[in-house]
Structures are given as C-alpha cells and as structure tokens.
Amino acid sequence: MGRNKTPPEDSRVGTDASWVVPDEHLYKITDALEQISRETAQSILRVALAWLLSRPTVSSVVIGARNVTQLKDNLAATDLKLSAEQIARLDAASAVRPAYPYWHQRRTSLARNPPPVG
C-alpha cells in the first residue's frame, strides 16, 4: 500500500485501518521506503525489514511469506545494511509524539540532563 495505490483485494491491507493509524502517517513511511528502495535497488519489503532489524530495541522480526519468492526476499533483508542517513529518514517519517507520560518524562529528563555539547 502506498500513496495513490490501490491495495490488492486479497490482502489484509485492503481493509480500512485508518481508525488505527491516519493514512497520511502511513504514506509518509511508504514514501520514504519507496525512495530508499529506488536508491538501493532493493525491494520495499527488504528495505522495511532491514530497517526493523537495524533498530536496537527490536529483538526479533516475524515474517509472513506466502510463497518461496517472498520468503527469499524476506531473508535477504538480513544482508542489506542501510546507511545511517537512510535509517534517520525512516525514523523521522515514522516518528509519532509519545503518549503521556512518556513525552513528559523525556522533556523532564532532558531538562535535568541535557545532552553533551561537542
């Protein structure tokens, strides 16, 4: 699914999920994934999985291939190393404001312990 694209009828993406996450937020992410996919000449799925695998807080990724081709593409994500700039773009595209109390704790923590200058 992406901006100005119709999802396949037989996919779960074809259902209305806008009540969970606003479409524009999803489109920002898919736009960034598509751009990096073109830059790296890798599939969007491979880029997305490589991004998830690069995140220090992700301990595992569950894949759901429907055929051997998808399985091979999923597994190939372990060999794709995104640049720090590409990861930062995906992080920025997917960023959301944390719910309370997390935004308050972050702000308070930064006020008490500012990041080092240098």
PDB file of N, CA and C in Angstrom:
ATOM      1  N   MET A   1       0.848  -1.169   0.000  1.00  0.00           N
ATOM      2  CA  MET A   1       0.000   0.000   0.000  1.00  0.00           C
ATOM      3  C   MET A   1       0.895   1.233   0.000  1.00  0.00           C
ATOM      4  N   GLY A   2       0.477   2.230  -0.678  1.00  0.00           N
ATOM      5  CA  GLY A   2       1.216   3.480  -0.716  1.00  0.00           C
ATOM      6  C   GLY A   2       0.320   4.584  -1.233  1.00  0.00           C
ATOM      7  N   ARG A   3       0.876   5.760  -1.287  1.00  0.00           N
ATOM      8  CA  ARG A   3       0.139   6.923  -1.758  1.00  0.00           C
ATOM      9  C   ARG A   3      -0.343   6.687  -3.195  1.00  0.00           C
ATOM     10  N   ASN A   4      -1.622   6.930  -3.434  1.00  0.00           N
ATOM     11  CA  ASN A   4      -2.239   6.796  -4.759  1.00  0.00           C
ATOM     12  C   ASN A   4      -2.146   5.383  -5.340  1.00  0.00           C
ATOM     13  N   LYS A   5      -2.098   4.381  -4.468  1.00  0.00           N
ATOM     14  CA  LYS A   5      -2.060   2.990  -4.912  1.00  0.00           C
ATOM     15  C   LYS A   5      -3.230   2.241  -4.301  1.00  0.00           C
ATOM     16  N   THR A   6      -3.805   1.357  -5.072  1.00  0.00           N
ATOM     17  CA  THR A   6      -4.904   0.533  -4.582  1.00  0.00           C
ATOM     18  C   THR A   6      -4.327  -0.784  -4.081  1.00  0.00           C
ATOM     19  N   PRO A   7      -4.597  -1.147  -2.844  1.00  0.00           N
ATOM     20  CA  PRO A   7      -4.063  -2.416  -2.337  1.00  0.00           C
ATOM     21  C   PRO A   7      -4.759  -3.598  -3.010  1.00  0.00           C
ATOM     22  N   PRO A   8      -4.077  -4.726  -3.110  1.00  0.00           N
ATOM     23  CA  PRO A   8      -4.711  -5.921  -3.680  1.00  0.00           C
ATOM     24  C   PRO A   8      -5.950  -6.305  -2.867  1.00  0.00           C
ATOM     25  N   GLU A   9      -6.975  -6.752  -3.562  1.00  0.00           N
ATOM     26  CA  GLU A   9      -8.231  -7.098  -2.886  1.00  0.00           C
ATOM     27  C   GLU A   9      -8.062  -8.245  -1.896  1.00  0.00           C
ATOM     28  N   ASP A  10      -7.129  -9.153  -2.182  1.00  0.00           N
ATOM     29  CA  ASP A  10      -6.976 -10.330  -1.323  1.00  0.00           C
ATOM     30  C   ASP A  10      -5.994 -10.096  -0.175  1.00  0.00           C
ATOM     31  N   SER A  11      -5.613  -8.841   0.054  1.00  0.00           N
ATOM     32  CA  SER A  11      -4.646  -8.556   1.119  1.00  0.00           C
ATOM     33  C   SER A  11      -5.332  -7.992   2.354  1.00  0.00           C
ATOM     34  N   ARG A  12      -4.649  -8.111   3.481  1.00  0.00           N
ATOM     35  CA  ARG A  12      -5.159  -7.514   4.712  1.00  0.00           C
ATOM     36  C   ARG A  12      -5.093  -5.999   4.647  1.00  0.00           C
ATOM     37  N   VAL A  13      -4.185  -5.480   3.831  1.00  0.00           N
ATOM     38  CA  VAL A  13      -4.041  -4.033   3.687  1.00  0.00           C
ATOM     39  C   VAL A  13      -5.279  -3.435   3.022  1.00  0.00           C
ATOM     40  N   GLY A  14      -6.022  -4.250   2.313  1.00  0.00           N
ATOM     41  CA  GLY A  14      -7.216  -3.772   1.632  1.00  0.00           C
ATOM     42  C   GLY A  14      -8.332  -3.364   2.576  1.00  0.00           C
ATOM     43  N   THR A  15      -8.214  -3.694   3.840  1.00  0.00           N
ATOM     44  CA  THR A  15      -9.233  -3.297   4.813  1.00  0.00           C
ATOM     45  C   THR A  15      -8.935  -1.891   5.304  1.00  0.00           C
ATOM     46  N   ASP A  16      -9.915  -1.218   5.828  1.00  0.00           N
ATOM     47  CA  ASP A  16      -9.745   0.160   6.319  1.00  0.00           C
ATOM     48  C   ASP A  16      -9.102   0.139   7.693  1.00  0.00           C
ATOM     49  N   ALA A  17      -7.840   0.604   7.748  1.00  0.00           N
ATOM     50  CA  ALA A  17      -7.122   0.664   9.023  1.00  0.00           C
ATOM     51  C   ALA A  17      -6.919   2.099   9.466  1.00  0.00           C
ATOM     52  N   SER A  18      -7.601   3.056   8.815  1.00  0.00           N
ATOM     53  CA  SER A  18      -7.371   4.464   9.124  1.00  0.00           C
ATOM     54  C   SER A  18      -7.803   4.823  10.548  1.00  0.00           C
ATOM     55  N   TRP A  19      -8.637   4.020  11.155  1.00  0.00           N
ATOM     56  CA  TRP A  19      -9.026   4.292  12.539  1.00  0.00           C
ATOM     57  C   TRP A  19      -7.889   3.967  13.492  1.00  0.00           C
ATOM     58  N   VAL A  20      -6.919   3.164  13.052  1.00  0.00           N
ATOM     59  CA  VAL A  20      -5.775   2.814  13.884  1.00  0.00           C
ATOM     60  C   VAL A  20      -4.654   3.831  13.691  1.00  0.00           C
ATOM     61  N   VAL A  21      -4.283   4.063  12.453  1.00  0.00           N
ATOM     62  CA  VAL A  21      -3.206   4.992  12.103  1.00  0.00           C
ATOM     63  C   VAL A  21      -3.699   5.839  10.935  1.00  0.00           C
ATOM     64  N   PRO A  22      -3.585   7.151  11.019  1.00  0.00           N
ATOM     65  CA  PRO A  22      -4.034   8.001   9.914  1.00  0.00           C
ATOM     66  C   PRO A  22      -3.288   7.670   8.618  1.00  0.00           C
ATOM     67  N   ASP A  23      -4.012   7.676   7.519  1.00  0.00           N
ATOM     68  CA  ASP A  23      -3.416   7.344   6.224  1.00  0.00           C
ATOM     69  C   ASP A  23      -2.186   8.189   5.925  1.00  0.00           C
ATOM     70  N   GLU A  24      -2.224   9.487   6.206  1.00  0.00           N
ATOM     71  CA  GLU A  24      -1.096  10.360   5.873  1.00  0.00           C
ATOM     72  C   GLU A  24       0.173   9.918   6.601  1.00  0.00           C
ATOM     73  N   HIS A  25       0.038   9.445   7.817  1.00  0.00           N
ATOM     74  CA  HIS A  25       1.211   8.945   8.552  1.00  0.00           C
ATOM     75  C   HIS A  25       1.783   7.714   7.843  1.00  0.00           C
ATOM     76  N   LEU A  26       0.928   6.802   7.424  1.00  0.00           N
ATOM     77  CA  LEU A  26       1.382   5.614   6.698  1.00  0.00           C
ATOM     78  C   LEU A  26       2.033   5.999   5.381  1.00  0.00           C
ATOM     79  N   TYR A  27       1.458   6.991   4.683  1.00  0.00           N
ATOM     80  CA  TYR A  27       2.011   7.410   3.398  1.00  0.00           C
ATOM     81  C   TYR A  27       3.389   8.034   3.547  1.00  0.00           C
ATOM     82  N   LYS A  28       3.631   8.767   4.620  1.00  0.00           N
ATOM     83  CA  LYS A  28       4.968   9.323   4.845  1.00  0.00           C
ATOM     84  C   LYS A  28       5.993   8.196   4.949  1.00  0.00           C
ATOM     85  N   ILE A  29       5.611   7.126   5.607  1.00  0.00           N
ATOM     86  CA  ILE A  29       6.512   5.987   5.771  1.00  0.00           C
ATOM     87  C   ILE A  29       6.708   5.272   4.435  1.00  0.00           C
ATOM     88  N   THR A  30       5.621   4.987   3.734  1.00  0.00           N
ATOM     89  CA  THR A  30       5.767   4.274   2.465  1.00  0.00           C
ATOM     90  C   THR A  30       6.489   5.127   1.426  1.00  0.00           C
ATOM     91  N   ASP A  31       6.301   6.452   1.455  1.00  0.00           N
ATOM     92  CA  ASP A  31       7.051   7.321   0.539  1.00  0.00           C
ATOM     93  C   ASP A  31       8.549   7.185   0.794  1.00  0.00           C
ATOM     94  N   ALA A  32       8.948   7.204   2.064  1.00  0.00           N
ATOM     95  CA  ALA A  32      10.368   7.068   2.415  1.00  0.00           C
ATOM     96  C   ALA A  32      10.889   5.684   2.032  1.00  0.00           C
ATOM     97  N   LEU A  33      10.098   4.651   2.282  1.00  0.00           N
ATOM     98  CA  LEU A  33      10.509   3.296   1.902  1.00  0.00           C
ATOM     99  C   LEU A  33      10.694   3.174   0.393  1.00  0.00           C
ATOM    100  N   GLU A  34       9.769   3.751  -0.376  1.00  0.00           N
ATOM    101  CA  GLU A  34       9.874   3.690  -1.831  1.00  0.00           C
ATOM    102  C   GLU A  34      11.121   4.420  -2.325  1.00  0.00           C
ATOM    103  N   GLN A  35      11.415   5.569  -1.758  1.00  0.00           N
ATOM    104  CA  GLN A  35      12.582   6.337  -2.174  1.00  0.00           C
ATOM    105  C   GLN A  35      13.874   5.561  -1.884  1.00  0.00           C
ATOM    106  N   ILE A  36      13.972   4.987  -0.710  1.00  0.00           N
ATOM    107  CA  ILE A  36      15.167   4.227  -0.349  1.00  0.00           C
ATOM    108  C   ILE A  36      15.247   2.937  -1.159  1.00  0.00           C
ATOM    109  N   SER A  37      14.117   2.366  -1.480  1.00  0.00           N
ATOM    110  CA  SER A  37      14.086   1.184  -2.331  1.00  0.00           C
ATOM    111  C   SER A  37      14.699   1.497  -3.702  1.00  0.00           C
ATOM    112  N   ARG A  38      14.355   2.643  -4.246  1.00  0.00           N
ATOM    113  CA  ARG A  38      14.937   3.051  -5.541  1.00  0.00           C
ATOM    114  C   ARG A  38      16.441   3.310  -5.407  1.00  0.00           C
ATOM    115  N   GLU A  39      16.834   3.968  -4.324  1.00  0.00           N
ATOM    116  CA  GLU A  39      18.252   4.289  -4.107  1.00  0.00           C
ATOM    117  C   GLU A  39      19.110   3.033  -3.992  1.00  0.00           C
ATOM    118  N   THR A  40      18.591   2.028  -3.339  1.00  0.00           N
ATOM    119  CA  THR A  40      19.363   0.818  -3.059  1.00  0.00           C
ATOM    120  C   THR A  40      19.118  -0.297  -4.076  1.00  0.00           C
ATOM    121  N   ALA A  41      18.154  -0.104  -4.954  1.00  0.00           N
ATOM    122  CA  ALA A  41      17.760  -1.137  -5.922  1.00  0.00           C
ATOM    123  C   ALA A  41      17.349  -2.427  -5.198  1.00  0.00           C
ATOM    124  N   GLN A  42      16.661  -2.263  -4.075  1.00  0.00           N
ATOM    125  CA  GLN A  42      16.154  -3.387  -3.288  1.00  0.00           C
ATOM    126  C   GLN A  42      14.637  -3.251  -3.188  1.00  0.00           C
ATOM    127  N   SER A  43      13.958  -4.348  -2.899  1.00  0.00           N
ATOM    128  CA  SER A  43      12.507  -4.283  -2.763  1.00  0.00           C
ATOM    129  C   SER A  43      12.117  -3.459  -1.535  1.00  0.00           C
ATOM    130  N   ILE A  44      10.924  -2.902  -1.588  1.00  0.00           N
ATOM    131  CA  ILE A  44      10.410  -2.128  -0.451  1.00  0.00           C
ATOM    132  C   ILE A  44      10.335  -3.017   0.790  1.00  0.00           C
ATOM    133  N   LEU A  45       9.881  -4.226   0.618  1.00  0.00           N
ATOM    134  CA  LEU A  45       9.799  -5.154   1.742  1.00  0.00           C
ATOM    135  C   LEU A  45      11.171  -5.397   2.355  1.00  0.00           C
ATOM    136  N   ARG A  46      12.173  -5.600   1.518  1.00  0.00           N
ATOM    137  CA  ARG A  46      13.526  -5.842   2.017  1.00  0.00           C
ATOM    138  C   ARG A  46      14.051  -4.632   2.794  1.00  0.00           C
ATOM    139  N   VAL A  47      13.779  -3.427   2.275  1.00  0.00           N
ATOM    140  CA  VAL A  47      14.202  -2.205   2.955  1.00  0.00           C
ATOM    141  C   VAL A  47      13.504  -2.095   4.315  1.00  0.00           C
ATOM    142  N   ALA A  48      12.201  -2.353   4.332  1.00  0.00           N
ATOM    143  CA  ALA A  48      11.439  -2.250   5.581  1.00  0.00           C
ATOM    144  C   ALA A  48      11.963  -3.228   6.633  1.00  0.00           C
ATOM    145  N   LEU A  49      12.218  -4.450   6.230  1.00  0.00           N
ATOM    146  CA  LEU A  49      12.728  -5.442   7.178  1.00  0.00           C
ATOM    147  C   LEU A  49      14.144  -5.095   7.639  1.00  0.00           C
ATOM    148  N   ALA A  50      14.988  -4.620   6.730  1.00  0.00           N
ATOM    149  CA  ALA A  50      16.355  -4.220   7.107  1.00  0.00           C
ATOM    150  C   ALA A  50      16.313  -3.069   8.108  1.00  0.00           C
ATOM    151  N   TRP A  51      15.372  -2.151   7.907  1.00  0.00           N
ATOM    152  CA  TRP A  51      15.208  -1.027   8.842  1.00  0.00           C
ATOM    153  C   TRP A  51      14.820  -1.545  10.227  1.00  0.00           C
ATOM    154  N   LEU A  52      13.851  -2.454  10.274  1.00  0.00           N
ATOM    155  CA  LEU A  52      13.446  -3.018  11.561  1.00  0.00           C
ATOM    156  C   LEU A  52      14.607  -3.751  12.237  1.00  0.00           C
ATOM    157  N   LEU A  53      15.352  -4.505  11.458  1.00  0.00           N
ATOM    158  CA  LEU A  53      16.475  -5.259  12.022  1.00  0.00           C
ATOM    159  C   LEU A  53      17.592  -4.344  12.526  1.00  0.00           C
ATOM    160  N   SER A  54      17.645  -3.119  12.021  1.00  0.00           N
ATOM    161  CA  SER A  54      18.688  -2.179  12.445  1.00  0.00           C
ATOM    162  C   SER A  54      18.352  -1.482  13.764  1.00  0.00           C
ATOM    163  N   ARG A  55      17.122  -1.591  14.199  1.00  0.00           N
ATOM    164  CA  ARG A  55      16.682  -0.867  15.401  1.00  0.00           C
ATOM    165  C   ARG A  55      17.161  -1.606  16.654  1.00  0.00           C
ATOM    166  N   PRO A  56      17.841  -0.890  17.558  1.00  0.00           N
ATOM    167  CA  PRO A  56      18.385  -1.563  18.742  1.00  0.00           C
ATOM    168  C   PRO A  56      17.322  -2.106  19.694  1.00  0.00           C
ATOM    169  N   THR A  57      16.104  -1.592  19.619  1.00  0.00           N
ATOM    170  CA  THR A  57      15.057  -2.052  20.534  1.00  0.00           C
ATOM    171  C   THR A  57      14.231  -3.203  19.970  1.00  0.00           C
ATOM    172  N   VAL A  58      14.528  -3.623  18.750  1.00  0.00           N
ATOM    173  CA  VAL A  58      13.801  -4.742  18.136  1.00  0.00           C
ATOM    174  C   VAL A  58      14.614  -6.011  18.348  1.00  0.00           C
ATOM    175  N   SER A  59      14.031  -6.957  19.065  1.00  0.00           N
ATOM    176  CA  SER A  59      14.761  -8.194  19.360  1.00  0.00           C
ATOM    177  C   SER A  59      14.467  -9.296  18.352  1.00  0.00           C
ATOM    178  N   SER A  60      13.352  -9.187  17.644  1.00  0.00           N
ATOM    179  CA  SER A  60      13.029 -10.186  16.627  1.00  0.00           C
ATOM    180  C   SER A  60      12.035  -9.589  15.644  1.00  0.00           C
ATOM    181  N   VAL A  61      12.011 -10.166  14.464  1.00  0.00           N
ATOM    182  CA  VAL A  61      11.075  -9.745  13.427  1.00  0.00           C
ATOM    183  C   VAL A  61      10.374 -11.002  12.926  1.00  0.00           C
ATOM    184  N   VAL A  62       9.062 -10.975  12.922  1.00  0.00           N
ATOM    185  CA  VAL A  62       8.286 -12.103  12.423  1.00  0.00           C
ATOM    186  C   VAL A  62       7.936 -11.828  10.968  1.00  0.00           C
ATOM    187  N   ILE A  63       8.261 -12.766  10.098  1.00  0.00           N
ATOM    188  CA  ILE A  63       7.946 -12.596   8.678  1.00  0.00           C
ATOM    189  C   ILE A  63       6.765 -13.490   8.325  1.00  0.00           C
ATOM    190  N   GLY A  64       6.054 -13.115   7.285  1.00  0.00           N
ATOM    191  CA  GLY A  64       4.872 -13.868   6.882  1.00  0.00           C
ATOM    192  C   GLY A  64       4.822 -14.048   5.382  1.00  0.00           C
ATOM    193  N   ALA A  65       5.713 -14.853   4.858  1.00  0.00           N
ATOM    194  CA  ALA A  65       5.770 -15.077   3.419  1.00  0.00           C
ATOM    195  C   ALA A  65       4.671 -16.043   2.988  1.00  0.00           C
ATOM    196  N   ARG A  66       4.078 -15.736   1.831  1.00  0.00           N
ATOM    197  CA  ARG A  66       3.043 -16.624   1.287  1.00  0.00           C
ATOM    198  C   ARG A  66       3.583 -17.570   0.231  1.00  0.00           C
ATOM    199  N   ASN A  67       4.829 -17.336  -0.204  1.00  0.00           N
ATOM    200  CA  ASN A  67       5.427 -18.211  -1.209  1.00  0.00           C
ATOM    201  C   ASN A  67       6.950 -18.160  -1.074  1.00  0.00           C
ATOM    202  N   VAL A  68       7.644 -18.989  -1.829  1.00  0.00           N
ATOM    203  CA  VAL A  68       9.100 -19.089  -1.728  1.00  0.00           C
ATOM    204  C   VAL A  68       9.774 -17.782  -2.143  1.00  0.00           C
ATOM    205  N   THR A  69       9.248 -17.108  -3.148  1.00  0.00           N
ATOM    206  CA  THR A  69       9.831 -15.842  -3.595  1.00  0.00           C
ATOM    207  C   THR A  69       9.799 -14.805  -2.482  1.00  0.00           C
ATOM    208  N   GLN A  70       8.670 -14.686  -1.807  1.00  0.00           N
ATOM    209  CA  GLN A  70       8.563 -13.744  -0.690  1.00  0.00           C
ATOM    210  C   GLN A  70       9.488 -14.150   0.454  1.00  0.00           C
ATOM    211  N   LEU A  71       9.592 -15.433   0.717  1.00  0.00           N
ATOM    212  CA  LEU A  71      10.472 -15.904   1.780  1.00  0.00           C
ATOM    213  C   LEU A  71      11.923 -15.526   1.487  1.00  0.00           C
ATOM    214  N   LYS A  72      12.371 -15.743   0.263  1.00  0.00           N
ATOM    215  CA  LYS A  72      13.748 -15.397  -0.116  1.00  0.00           C
ATOM    216  C   LYS A  72      13.975 -13.890   0.004  1.00  0.00           C
ATOM    217  N   ASP A  73      12.989 -13.092  -0.393  1.00  0.00           N
ATOM    218  CA  ASP A  73      13.108 -11.637  -0.283  1.00  0.00           C
ATOM    219  C   ASP A  73      13.179 -11.216   1.175  1.00  0.00           C
ATOM    220  N   ASN A  74      12.357 -11.825   2.018  1.00  0.00           N
ATOM    221  CA  ASN A  74      12.387 -11.529   3.459  1.00  0.00           C
ATOM    222  C   ASN A  74      13.752 -11.863   4.056  1.00  0.00           C
ATOM    223  N   LEU A  75      14.262 -13.026   3.750  1.00  0.00           N
ATOM    224  CA  LEU A  75      15.528 -13.467   4.324  1.00  0.00           C
ATOM    225  C   LEU A  75      16.706 -12.625   3.828  1.00  0.00           C
ATOM    226  N   ALA A  76      16.626 -12.129   2.605  1.00  0.00           N
ATOM    227  CA  ALA A  76      17.701 -11.303   2.048  1.00  0.00           C
ATOM    228  C   ALA A  76      17.832  -9.969   2.783  1.00  0.00           C
ATOM    229  N   ALA A  77      16.833  -9.584   3.534  1.00  0.00           N
ATOM    230  CA  ALA A  77      16.901  -8.327   4.297  1.00  0.00           C
ATOM    231  C   ALA A  77      18.027  -8.370   5.325  1.00  0.00           C
ATOM    232  N   THR A  78      18.414  -9.558   5.750  1.00  0.00           N
ATOM    233  CA  THR A  78      19.499  -9.657   6.737  1.00  0.00           C
ATOM    234  C   THR A  78      20.838  -9.239   6.149  1.00  0.00           C
ATOM    235  N   ASP A  79      20.961  -9.236   4.829  1.00  0.00           N
ATOM    236  CA  ASP A  79      22.204  -8.832   4.168  1.00  0.00           C
ATOM    237  C   ASP A  79      22.227  -7.363   3.787  1.00  0.00           C
ATOM    238  N   LEU A  80      21.093  -6.686   3.869  1.00  0.00           N
ATOM    239  CA  LEU A  80      21.008  -5.277   3.469  1.00  0.00           C
ATOM    240  C   LEU A  80      21.362  -4.389   4.650  1.00  0.00           C
ATOM    241  N   LYS A  81      22.355  -3.557   4.480  1.00  0.00           N
ATOM    242  CA  LYS A  81      22.749  -2.599   5.516  1.00  0.00           C
ATOM    243  C   LYS A  81      22.410  -1.199   5.027  1.00  0.00           C
ATOM    244  N   LEU A  82      21.442  -0.577   5.661  1.00  0.00           N
ATOM    245  CA  LEU A  82      21.044   0.779   5.312  1.00  0.00           C
ATOM    246  C   LEU A  82      22.038   1.762   5.910  1.00  0.00           C
ATOM    247  N   SER A  83      22.203   2.908   5.241  1.00  0.00           N
ATOM    248  CA  SER A  83      23.099   3.935   5.772  1.00  0.00           C
ATOM    249  C   SER A  83      22.440   4.609   6.978  1.00  0.00           C
ATOM    250  N   ALA A  84      23.261   5.266   7.772  1.00  0.00           N
ATOM    251  CA  ALA A  84      22.731   5.995   8.934  1.00  0.00           C
ATOM    252  C   ALA A  84      21.740   7.059   8.474  1.00  0.00           C
ATOM    253  N   GLU A  85      21.997   7.683   7.343  1.00  0.00           N
ATOM    254  CA  GLU A  85      21.101   8.721   6.814  1.00  0.00           C
ATOM    255  C   GLU A  85      19.766   8.116   6.382  1.00  0.00           C
ATOM    256  N   GLN A  86      19.788   6.950   5.757  1.00  0.00           N
ATOM    257  CA  GLN A  86      18.549   6.280   5.353  1.00  0.00           C
ATOM    258  C   GLN A  86      17.735   5.863   6.574  1.00  0.00           C
ATOM    259  N   ILE A  87      18.389   5.334   7.581  1.00  0.00           N
ATOM    260  CA  ILE A  87      17.698   4.949   8.818  1.00  0.00           C
ATOM    261  C   ILE A  87      17.085   6.183   9.469  1.00  0.00           C
ATOM    262  N   ALA A  88      17.832   7.284   9.485  1.00  0.00           N
ATOM    263  CA  ALA A  88      17.313   8.523  10.081  1.00  0.00           C
ATOM    264  C   ALA A  88      16.088   9.017   9.329  1.00  0.00           C
ATOM    265  N   ARG A  89      16.075   8.900   8.004  1.00  0.00           N
ATOM    266  CA  ARG A  89      14.900   9.319   7.219  1.00  0.00           C
ATOM    267  C   ARG A  89      13.691   8.465   7.538  1.00  0.00           C
ATOM    268  N   LEU A  90      13.886   7.170   7.672  1.00  0.00           N
ATOM    269  CA  LEU A  90      12.770   6.285   8.018  1.00  0.00           C
ATOM    270  C   LEU A  90      12.293   6.536   9.438  1.00  0.00           C
ATOM    271  N   ASP A  91      13.228   6.766  10.357  1.00  0.00           N
ATOM    272  CA  ASP A  91      12.852   7.087  11.733  1.00  0.00           C
ATOM    273  C   ASP A  91      12.028   8.372  11.778  1.00  0.00           C
ATOM    274  N   ALA A  92      12.458   9.387  11.017  1.00  0.00           N
ATOM    275  CA  ALA A  92      11.736  10.671  11.003  1.00  0.00           C
ATOM    276  C   ALA A  92      10.349  10.506  10.380  1.00  0.00           C
ATOM    277  N   ALA A  93      10.258   9.730   9.315  1.00  0.00           N
ATOM    278  CA  ALA A  93       8.965   9.533   8.645  1.00  0.00           C
ATOM    279  C   ALA A  93       7.974   8.803   9.541  1.00  0.00           C
ATOM    280  N   SER A  94       8.473   7.925  10.396  1.00  0.00           N
ATOM    281  CA  SER A  94       7.583   7.113  11.234  1.00  0.00           C
ATOM    282  C   SER A  94       7.383   7.668  12.632  1.00  0.00           C
ATOM    283  N   ALA A  95       8.062   8.744  12.947  1.00  0.00           N
ATOM    284  CA  ALA A  95       8.005   9.284  14.309  1.00  0.00           C
ATOM    285  C   ALA A  95       6.592   9.743  14.680  1.00  0.00           C
ATOM    286  N   VAL A  96       6.224   9.459  15.896  1.00  0.00           N
ATOM    287  CA  VAL A  96       4.957   9.935  16.452  1.00  0.00           C
ATOM    288  C   VAL A  96       5.255  10.548  17.819  1.00  0.00           C
ATOM    289  N   ARG A  97       4.405  11.457  18.232  1.00  0.00           N
ATOM    290  CA  ARG A  97       4.575  12.032  19.556  1.00  0.00           C
ATOM    291  C   ARG A  97       4.217  10.970  20.588  1.00  0.00           C
ATOM    292  N   PRO A  98       5.118  10.732  21.521  1.00  0.00           N
ATOM    293  CA  PRO A  98       4.823   9.720  22.546  1.00  0.00           C
ATOM    294  C   PRO A  98       3.606  10.118  23.381  1.00  0.00           C
ATOM    295  N   ALA A  99       2.894   9.122  23.859  1.00  0.00           N
ATOM    296  CA  ALA A  99       1.746   9.349  24.734  1.00  0.00           C
ATOM    297  C   ALA A  99       2.236   9.776  26.116  1.00  0.00           C
ATOM    298  N   TYR A 100       1.361  10.430  26.840  1.00  0.00           N
ATOM    299  CA  TYR A 100       1.665  10.771  28.227  1.00  0.00           C
ATOM    300  C   TYR A 100       1.726   9.479  29.026  1.00  0.00           C
ATOM    301  N   PRO A 101       2.649   9.259  29.871  1.00  0.00           N
ATOM    302  CA  PRO A 101       3.583  10.208  30.467  1.00  0.00           C
ATOM    303  C   PRO A 101       4.948  10.259  29.782  1.00  0.00           C
ATOM    304  N   TYR A 102       5.117   9.516  28.662  1.00  0.00           N
ATOM    305  CA  TYR A 102       6.444   9.387  28.060  1.00  0.00           C
ATOM    306  C   TYR A 102       6.994  10.706  27.530  1.00  0.00           C
ATOM    307  N   TRP A 103       6.131  11.529  26.905  1.00  0.00           N
ATOM    308  CA  TRP A 103       6.640  12.808  26.401  1.00  0.00           C
ATOM    309  C   TRP A 103       7.069  13.694  27.568  1.00  0.00           C
ATOM    310  N   HIS A 104       6.332  13.626  28.671  1.00  0.00           N
ATOM    311  CA  HIS A 104       6.662  14.435  29.842  1.00  0.00           C
ATOM    312  C   HIS A 104       7.967  13.951  30.481  1.00  0.00           C
ATOM    313  N   GLN A 105       8.138  12.646  30.584  1.00  0.00           N
ATOM    314  CA  GLN A 105       9.363  12.099  31.163  1.00  0.00           C
ATOM    315  C   GLN A 105      10.577  12.472  30.309  1.00  0.00           C
ATOM    316  N   ARG A 106      10.431  12.399  28.988  1.00  0.00           N
ATOM    317  CA  ARG A 106      11.539  12.753  28.105  1.00  0.00           C
ATOM    318  C   ARG A 106      11.913  14.220  28.274  1.00  0.00           C
ATOM    319  N   ARG A 107      10.905  15.085  28.291  1.00  0.00           N
ATOM    320  CA  ARG A 107      11.168  16.517  28.432  1.00  0.00           C
ATOM    321  C   ARG A 107      11.826  16.810  29.778  1.00  0.00           C
ATOM    322  N   THR A 108      11.316  16.217  30.834  1.00  0.00           N
ATOM    323  CA  THR A 108      11.875  16.432  32.166  1.00  0.00           C
ATOM    324  C   THR A 108      13.302  15.899  32.250  1.00  0.00           C
ATOM    325  N   SER A 109      13.533  14.726  31.679  1.00  0.00           N
ATOM    326  CA  SER A 109      14.864  14.130  31.702  1.00  0.00           C
ATOM    327  C   SER A 109      15.865  15.000  30.954  1.00  0.00           C
ATOM    328  N   LEU A 110      15.476  15.521  29.791  1.00  0.00           N
ATOM    329  CA  LEU A 110      16.378  16.375  29.015  1.00  0.00           C
ATOM    330  C   LEU A 110      16.656  17.681  29.740  1.00  0.00           C
ATOM    331  N   ALA A 111      15.672  18.193  30.465  1.00  0.00           N
ATOM    332  CA  ALA A 111      15.884  19.436  31.207  1.00  0.00           C
ATOM    333  C   ALA A 111      16.884  19.223  32.345  1.00  0.00           C
ATOM    334  N   ARG A 112      16.825  18.062  32.960  1.00  0.00           N
ATOM    335  CA  ARG A 112      17.726  17.773  34.097  1.00  0.00           C
ATOM    336  C   ARG A 112      19.094  17.283  33.624  1.00  0.00           C
ATOM    337  N   ASN A 113      19.119  16.594  32.502  1.00  0.00           N
ATOM    338  CA  ASN A 113      20.361  16.002  31.978  1.00  0.00           C
ATOM    339  C   ASN A 113      20.502  16.339  30.494  1.00  0.00           C
ATOM    340  N   PRO A 114      20.866  17.560  30.153  1.00  0.00           N
ATOM    341  CA  PRO A 114      20.968  17.911  28.731  1.00  0.00           C
ATOM    342  C   PRO A 114      22.047  17.073  28.036  1.00  0.00           C
ATOM    343  N   PRO A 115      21.843  16.805  26.730  1.00  0.00           N
ATOM    344  CA  PRO A 115      22.852  16.028  26.009  1.00  0.00           C
ATOM    345  C   PRO A 115      24.174  16.786  25.967  1.00  0.00           C
ATOM    346  N   PRO A 116      25.293  16.065  25.930  1.00  0.00           N
ATOM    347  CA  PRO A 116      26.587  16.732  25.912  1.00  0.00           C
ATOM    348  C   PRO A 116      26.780  17.552  24.636  1.00  0.00           C
ATOM    349  N   VAL A 117      27.453  18.648  24.762  1.00  0.00           N
ATOM    350  CA  VAL A 117      27.748  19.528  23.628  1.00  0.00           C
ATOM    351  C   VAL A 117      29.120  19.132  23.100  1.00  0.00           C
ATOM    352  N   GLY A 118      29.195  19.019  21.794  1.00  0.00           N
ATOM    353  CA  GLY A 118      30.514  18.720  21.265  1.00  0.00           C
ATOM    354  C   GLY A 118      30.434  17.985  20.034  1.00  0.00           C
TER     355      GLY A 118
END
